[in-house]
C-alpha cells in the first residue's frame, strides 16, 4: 500500500473512512435492537431497518457510497458500504452476540473479518 492510499497518511481518505465507520456503527445498532425485539433477523430488510434509523439509506442491492447494503438471514446480518469511489469497502456483521468488522464486500459474517484498521 502506498502512503497516498493509506488512510492514516491521506486526510481525505481518513475522513471518508471515519464517515463510513460511523454509518455502519449506527446501522449495526439498529440491527441489534431489531434482533433483541424479535429474536431473529426474519423480516429485517431495508424498510424495517429504516424504521429503526431513518437517517440511513438501506438497500439489498450492491453497496454504494452513503448507503448500507444488507445481506440478511434469520441468524445473521451483514452490512456493507463503499468507502472510496475506486471500490474500497467496509463491512460490519452480527451473528448472535458477535459483531465483526472488515474491509471487504462481504455477504457472510465469515467474510467480514479483520477489523477496520
N, C-alpha and C. Protein backbone atom coordinates (compact mmCIF):
# COMPACT_ATOMS: atom_id res chain seq x y z
N UNK A 1 0.85 -1.16 0.00
CA UNK A 1 0.00 0.00 0.00
C UNK A 1 0.90 1.23 0.00
N UNK A 2 0.67 2.11 -0.91
CA UNK A 2 1.47 3.32 -0.97
C UNK A 2 1.00 4.30 0.10
N UNK A 3 1.88 5.20 0.56
CA UNK A 3 1.46 6.15 1.58
C UNK A 3 0.26 6.99 1.17
N UNK A 4 0.12 7.28 -0.12
CA UNK A 4 -1.01 8.10 -0.57
C UNK A 4 -2.33 7.38 -0.40
N UNK A 5 -2.32 6.02 -0.43
CA UNK A 5 -3.58 5.29 -0.28
C UNK A 5 -3.81 4.82 1.14
N UNK A 6 -2.89 5.09 2.03
CA UNK A 6 -3.00 4.73 3.43
C UNK A 6 -3.93 5.74 4.13
N UNK A 7 -5.02 5.28 4.79
CA UNK A 7 -5.95 6.22 5.41
C UNK A 7 -5.29 7.10 6.48
N UNK A 8 -4.22 6.65 7.09
CA UNK A 8 -3.56 7.45 8.10
C UNK A 8 -2.80 8.60 7.44
N UNK A 9 -2.22 8.37 6.25
CA UNK A 9 -1.43 9.38 5.55
C UNK A 9 -2.28 10.31 4.70
N UNK A 10 -3.45 9.91 4.32
CA UNK A 10 -4.30 10.68 3.42
C UNK A 10 -5.51 11.20 4.19
N UNK A 11 -5.53 12.49 4.55
CA UNK A 11 -6.61 13.01 5.41
C UNK A 11 -8.00 12.88 4.79
N UNK A 12 -8.12 13.00 3.48
CA UNK A 12 -9.44 12.87 2.84
C UNK A 12 -9.92 11.43 2.94
N UNK A 13 -9.03 10.49 2.65
CA UNK A 13 -9.42 9.09 2.76
C UNK A 13 -9.75 8.74 4.20
N UNK A 14 -8.98 9.29 5.15
CA UNK A 14 -9.26 9.03 6.57
C UNK A 14 -10.63 9.56 6.94
N UNK A 15 -11.00 10.74 6.48
CA UNK A 15 -12.32 11.30 6.77
C UNK A 15 -13.42 10.44 6.16
N UNK A 16 -13.22 9.97 4.92
CA UNK A 16 -14.20 9.08 4.29
C UNK A 16 -14.34 7.79 5.08
N UNK A 17 -13.21 7.28 5.55
CA UNK A 17 -13.19 6.04 6.32
C UNK A 17 -13.97 6.22 7.63
N UNK A 18 -13.73 7.30 8.33
CA UNK A 18 -14.42 7.58 9.60
C UNK A 18 -15.91 7.75 9.36
N UNK A 19 -16.28 8.42 8.29
CA UNK A 19 -17.70 8.60 7.97
C UNK A 19 -18.36 7.24 7.69
N UNK A 20 -17.70 6.38 6.94
CA UNK A 20 -18.25 5.05 6.65
C UNK A 20 -18.35 4.20 7.91
N UNK A 21 -17.36 4.30 8.79
CA UNK A 21 -17.40 3.57 10.05
C UNK A 21 -18.58 4.02 10.91
N UNK A 22 -18.80 5.33 10.98
CA UNK A 22 -19.93 5.85 11.76
C UNK A 22 -21.25 5.36 11.19
N UNK A 23 -21.36 5.35 9.87
CA UNK A 23 -22.57 4.87 9.20
C UNK A 23 -22.85 3.42 9.58
N UNK A 24 -21.82 2.57 9.50
CA UNK A 24 -22.01 1.15 9.82
C UNK A 24 -22.24 0.93 11.32
N UNK A 25 -21.61 1.73 12.16
CA UNK A 25 -21.88 1.62 13.61
C UNK A 25 -23.35 1.89 13.91
N UNK A 26 -23.91 2.91 13.30
CA UNK A 26 -25.34 3.21 13.51
C UNK A 26 -26.21 2.09 12.94
N UNK A 27 -25.86 1.59 11.77
CA UNK A 27 -26.65 0.53 11.14
C UNK A 27 -26.62 -0.77 11.95
N UNK A 28 -25.46 -1.11 12.51
CA UNK A 28 -25.38 -2.35 13.29
C UNK A 28 -26.15 -2.20 14.59
N UNK A 29 -26.20 -0.99 15.14
CA UNK A 29 -27.01 -0.77 16.36
C UNK A 29 -28.50 -0.98 16.05
N UNK A 30 -28.95 -0.50 14.90
CA UNK A 30 -30.35 -0.72 14.51
C UNK A 30 -30.63 -2.22 14.38
N UNK A 31 -29.68 -2.95 13.79
CA UNK A 31 -29.85 -4.40 13.64
C UNK A 31 -29.90 -5.09 15.00
N UNK A 32 -29.07 -4.65 15.94
CA UNK A 32 -29.06 -5.25 17.27
C UNK A 32 -30.38 -5.02 18.00
N UNK A 33 -30.93 -3.83 17.87
CA UNK A 33 -32.21 -3.54 18.51
C UNK A 33 -33.30 -4.41 17.89
N UNK A 34 -33.31 -4.51 16.56
CA UNK A 34 -34.30 -5.35 15.89
C UNK A 34 -34.20 -6.80 16.39
N UNK A 35 -32.99 -7.32 16.45
CA UNK A 35 -32.79 -8.70 16.89
C UNK A 35 -33.25 -8.88 18.35
N UNK A 36 -32.93 -7.93 19.19
CA UNK A 36 -33.35 -8.01 20.60
C UNK A 36 -34.87 -8.02 20.73
N UNK A 37 -35.55 -7.27 19.89
CA UNK A 37 -37.01 -7.20 19.95
C UNK A 37 -37.70 -8.39 19.30
N UNK A 38 -37.07 -9.01 18.27
CA UNK A 38 -37.73 -10.06 17.50
C UNK A 38 -37.14 -11.46 17.69
N UNK A 39 -35.95 -11.55 18.26
CA UNK A 39 -35.33 -12.86 18.48
C UNK A 39 -34.69 -13.47 17.26
N UNK A 40 -34.77 -12.79 16.13
CA UNK A 40 -34.11 -13.23 14.89
C UNK A 40 -34.08 -12.03 13.95
N UNK A 41 -33.43 -12.23 12.80
CA UNK A 41 -33.41 -11.18 11.79
C UNK A 41 -34.49 -11.39 10.72
N UNK A 42 -35.39 -12.36 10.93
CA UNK A 42 -36.51 -12.54 9.99
C UNK A 42 -37.26 -11.23 9.85
N UNK A 43 -37.47 -10.79 8.63
CA UNK A 43 -38.21 -9.57 8.36
C UNK A 43 -37.37 -8.30 8.41
N UNK A 44 -36.07 -8.43 8.71
CA UNK A 44 -35.19 -7.26 8.79
C UNK A 44 -34.62 -6.96 7.40
N UNK A 45 -35.32 -6.10 6.70
CA UNK A 45 -34.88 -5.65 5.39
C UNK A 45 -34.73 -4.15 5.40
N UNK A 46 -34.57 -3.54 4.23
CA UNK A 46 -34.38 -2.09 4.17
C UNK A 46 -35.48 -1.28 4.84
N UNK A 47 -36.73 -1.68 4.66
CA UNK A 47 -37.83 -0.92 5.27
C UNK A 47 -37.82 -1.03 6.80
N UNK A 48 -37.61 -2.24 7.30
CA UNK A 48 -37.56 -2.43 8.75
C UNK A 48 -36.36 -1.70 9.35
N UNK A 49 -35.22 -1.76 8.69
CA UNK A 49 -34.02 -1.08 9.18
C UNK A 49 -34.25 0.43 9.21
N UNK A 50 -34.87 0.96 8.17
CA UNK A 50 -35.13 2.41 8.10
C UNK A 50 -36.09 2.85 9.19
N UNK A 51 -36.98 1.96 9.63
CA UNK A 51 -37.89 2.30 10.72
C UNK A 51 -37.11 2.50 12.03
N UNK A 52 -35.99 1.79 12.17
CA UNK A 52 -35.15 1.93 13.36
C UNK A 52 -34.18 3.10 13.24
N UNK A 53 -33.73 3.40 12.03
CA UNK A 53 -32.83 4.53 11.81
C UNK A 53 -33.09 5.12 10.44
N UNK A 54 -34.02 6.07 10.36
CA UNK A 54 -34.39 6.65 9.08
C UNK A 54 -33.32 7.56 8.48
N UNK A 55 -32.25 7.83 9.21
CA UNK A 55 -31.19 8.68 8.66
C UNK A 55 -30.27 7.91 7.70
N UNK A 56 -30.43 6.58 7.66
CA UNK A 56 -29.59 5.74 6.81
C UNK A 56 -30.40 5.22 5.64
N UNK A 57 -29.80 5.20 4.45
CA UNK A 57 -30.42 4.61 3.27
C UNK A 57 -29.92 3.17 3.19
N UNK A 58 -30.85 2.23 3.28
CA UNK A 58 -30.55 0.80 3.22
C UNK A 58 -30.97 0.23 1.89
N UNK A 59 -30.24 -0.79 1.43
CA UNK A 59 -30.58 -1.47 0.19
C UNK A 59 -30.19 -2.95 0.31
N UNK A 60 -30.83 -3.78 -0.46
CA UNK A 60 -30.39 -5.17 -0.57
C UNK A 60 -29.67 -5.37 -1.89
N UNK A 61 -29.41 -4.28 -2.59
CA UNK A 61 -28.61 -4.32 -3.81
C UNK A 61 -27.13 -4.17 -3.47
N UNK A 62 -26.35 -3.88 -4.49
CA UNK A 62 -24.92 -3.73 -4.31
C UNK A 62 -24.57 -2.52 -3.46
N UNK A 63 -23.42 -2.56 -2.78
CA UNK A 63 -23.00 -1.45 -1.94
C UNK A 63 -22.74 -0.18 -2.74
N UNK A 64 -22.95 0.95 -2.10
CA UNK A 64 -22.70 2.25 -2.71
C UNK A 64 -22.32 3.23 -1.60
N UNK A 65 -21.69 4.32 -1.98
CA UNK A 65 -21.34 5.36 -1.01
C UNK A 65 -22.59 5.90 -0.34
N UNK A 66 -22.48 6.20 0.93
CA UNK A 66 -23.56 6.79 1.72
C UNK A 66 -24.81 5.93 1.79
N UNK A 67 -24.67 4.64 1.51
CA UNK A 67 -25.77 3.67 1.62
C UNK A 67 -25.23 2.44 2.33
N UNK A 68 -26.14 1.67 2.91
CA UNK A 68 -25.76 0.42 3.56
C UNK A 68 -26.47 -0.72 2.84
N UNK A 69 -25.68 -1.61 2.27
CA UNK A 69 -26.20 -2.80 1.62
C UNK A 69 -26.34 -3.90 2.68
N UNK A 70 -27.45 -4.62 2.63
CA UNK A 70 -27.75 -5.63 3.65
C UNK A 70 -27.82 -7.02 3.04
N UNK A 71 -27.22 -7.98 3.73
CA UNK A 71 -27.44 -9.40 3.47
C UNK A 71 -27.96 -9.98 4.78
N UNK A 72 -29.15 -10.55 4.75
CA UNK A 72 -29.81 -10.96 6.00
C UNK A 72 -30.22 -12.42 5.93
N UNK A 73 -29.98 -13.13 7.03
CA UNK A 73 -30.52 -14.47 7.25
C UNK A 73 -31.22 -14.42 8.61
N UNK A 74 -31.93 -15.46 9.00
CA UNK A 74 -32.60 -15.42 10.30
C UNK A 74 -31.64 -15.23 11.48
N UNK A 75 -30.37 -15.65 11.32
CA UNK A 75 -29.43 -15.60 12.45
C UNK A 75 -28.29 -14.60 12.27
N UNK A 76 -28.20 -13.95 11.11
CA UNK A 76 -27.07 -13.04 10.88
C UNK A 76 -27.46 -11.91 9.95
N UNK A 77 -26.73 -10.80 10.09
CA UNK A 77 -26.89 -9.68 9.18
C UNK A 77 -25.49 -9.19 8.84
N UNK A 78 -25.27 -8.89 7.55
CA UNK A 78 -24.01 -8.33 7.09
C UNK A 78 -24.33 -7.00 6.42
N UNK A 79 -23.64 -5.96 6.84
CA UNK A 79 -23.87 -4.61 6.32
C UNK A 79 -22.58 -4.13 5.65
N UNK A 80 -22.71 -3.56 4.45
CA UNK A 80 -21.54 -3.13 3.69
C UNK A 80 -21.79 -1.74 3.12
N UNK A 81 -20.75 -0.92 3.11
CA UNK A 81 -20.82 0.36 2.44
C UNK A 81 -19.52 0.59 1.67
N UNK A 82 -19.58 1.45 0.68
CA UNK A 82 -18.40 1.80 -0.11
C UNK A 82 -17.71 2.98 0.56
N UNK A 83 -16.40 2.87 0.71
CA UNK A 83 -15.61 3.93 1.33
C UNK A 83 -15.05 4.86 0.27
N UNK A 84 -14.59 4.31 -0.82
CA UNK A 84 -13.94 5.09 -1.86
C UNK A 84 -14.62 4.86 -3.19
N UNK A 85 -14.51 5.83 -4.06
CA UNK A 85 -15.08 5.67 -5.40
C UNK A 85 -14.39 4.56 -6.18
N UNK A 86 -13.15 4.23 -5.82
CA UNK A 86 -12.44 3.17 -6.55
C UNK A 86 -12.74 1.78 -6.01
N UNK A 87 -13.68 1.65 -5.10
CA UNK A 87 -14.12 0.32 -4.70
C UNK A 87 -13.69 -0.17 -3.35
N UNK A 88 -13.25 0.69 -2.44
CA UNK A 88 -12.94 0.24 -1.09
C UNK A 88 -14.23 0.00 -0.32
N UNK A 89 -14.25 -1.02 0.52
CA UNK A 89 -15.45 -1.38 1.26
C UNK A 89 -15.16 -1.44 2.75
N UNK A 90 -16.21 -1.24 3.53
CA UNK A 90 -16.21 -1.58 4.95
C UNK A 90 -17.43 -2.45 5.20
N UNK A 91 -17.28 -3.44 6.08
CA UNK A 91 -18.42 -4.28 6.44
C UNK A 91 -18.51 -4.39 7.96
N UNK A 92 -19.70 -4.67 8.41
CA UNK A 92 -19.98 -5.00 9.81
C UNK A 92 -20.99 -6.13 9.79
N UNK A 93 -20.76 -7.13 10.60
CA UNK A 93 -21.66 -8.29 10.62
C UNK A 93 -22.00 -8.65 12.06
N UNK A 94 -23.22 -9.11 12.24
CA UNK A 94 -23.63 -9.61 13.56
C UNK A 94 -24.22 -10.99 13.39
N UNK A 95 -23.74 -11.88 14.25
CA UNK A 95 -24.27 -13.24 14.31
C UNK A 95 -24.28 -13.61 15.78
N UNK A 96 -25.47 -13.76 16.34
CA UNK A 96 -25.58 -13.99 17.77
C UNK A 96 -25.14 -12.75 18.52
N UNK A 97 -24.26 -12.92 19.47
CA UNK A 97 -23.74 -11.79 20.24
C UNK A 97 -22.41 -11.29 19.70
N UNK A 98 -21.99 -11.77 18.53
CA UNK A 98 -20.69 -11.43 17.99
C UNK A 98 -20.82 -10.45 16.83
N UNK A 99 -20.12 -9.33 16.93
CA UNK A 99 -20.05 -8.36 15.85
C UNK A 99 -18.63 -8.39 15.30
N UNK A 100 -18.51 -8.54 13.99
CA UNK A 100 -17.20 -8.50 13.34
C UNK A 100 -17.19 -7.37 12.33
N UNK A 101 -16.00 -6.90 12.02
CA UNK A 101 -15.84 -5.82 11.06
C UNK A 101 -14.70 -6.15 10.12
N UNK A 102 -14.78 -5.60 8.92
CA UNK A 102 -13.72 -5.86 7.95
C UNK A 102 -13.75 -4.86 6.82
N UNK A 103 -12.91 -5.11 5.84
CA UNK A 103 -12.76 -4.22 4.69
C UNK A 103 -13.02 -4.98 3.39
N UNK A 104 -14.16 -5.70 3.35
CA UNK A 104 -14.50 -6.46 2.16
C UNK A 104 -15.97 -6.25 1.80
N UNK A 105 -16.32 -6.61 0.60
CA UNK A 105 -17.71 -6.63 0.16
C UNK A 105 -18.29 -7.98 0.56
N UNK A 106 -18.46 -8.16 1.86
CA UNK A 106 -18.85 -9.44 2.44
C UNK A 106 -20.35 -9.69 2.29
N UNK A 107 -20.70 -10.98 2.20
CA UNK A 107 -22.10 -11.38 2.23
C UNK A 107 -22.38 -12.35 3.38
N UNK A 108 -21.31 -12.78 4.09
CA UNK A 108 -21.46 -13.64 5.25
C UNK A 108 -20.59 -13.08 6.38
N UNK A 109 -20.93 -13.39 7.63
CA UNK A 109 -20.09 -12.95 8.74
C UNK A 109 -18.64 -13.46 8.63
N UNK A 110 -18.47 -14.66 8.10
CA UNK A 110 -17.12 -15.22 7.96
C UNK A 110 -16.27 -14.39 6.99
N UNK A 111 -16.89 -13.75 6.02
CA UNK A 111 -16.15 -12.90 5.07
C UNK A 111 -15.85 -11.54 5.64
N UNK A 112 -16.55 -11.12 6.67
CA UNK A 112 -16.39 -9.79 7.27
C UNK A 112 -15.52 -9.92 8.52
N UNK A 113 -14.22 -9.98 8.31
CA UNK A 113 -13.26 -10.20 9.39
C UNK A 113 -12.08 -9.24 9.23
N UNK A 114 -11.26 -9.14 10.26
CA UNK A 114 -10.00 -8.40 10.17
C UNK A 114 -10.03 -6.99 10.71
N UNK A 115 -11.21 -6.49 11.07
CA UNK A 115 -11.32 -5.16 11.63
C UNK A 115 -11.22 -4.05 10.60
N UNK A 116 -11.28 -2.85 11.06
CA UNK A 116 -11.24 -1.67 10.19
C UNK A 116 -9.87 -1.00 10.19
N UNK A 117 -8.93 -1.56 10.91
CA UNK A 117 -7.60 -0.94 10.99
C UNK A 117 -6.87 -1.13 9.69
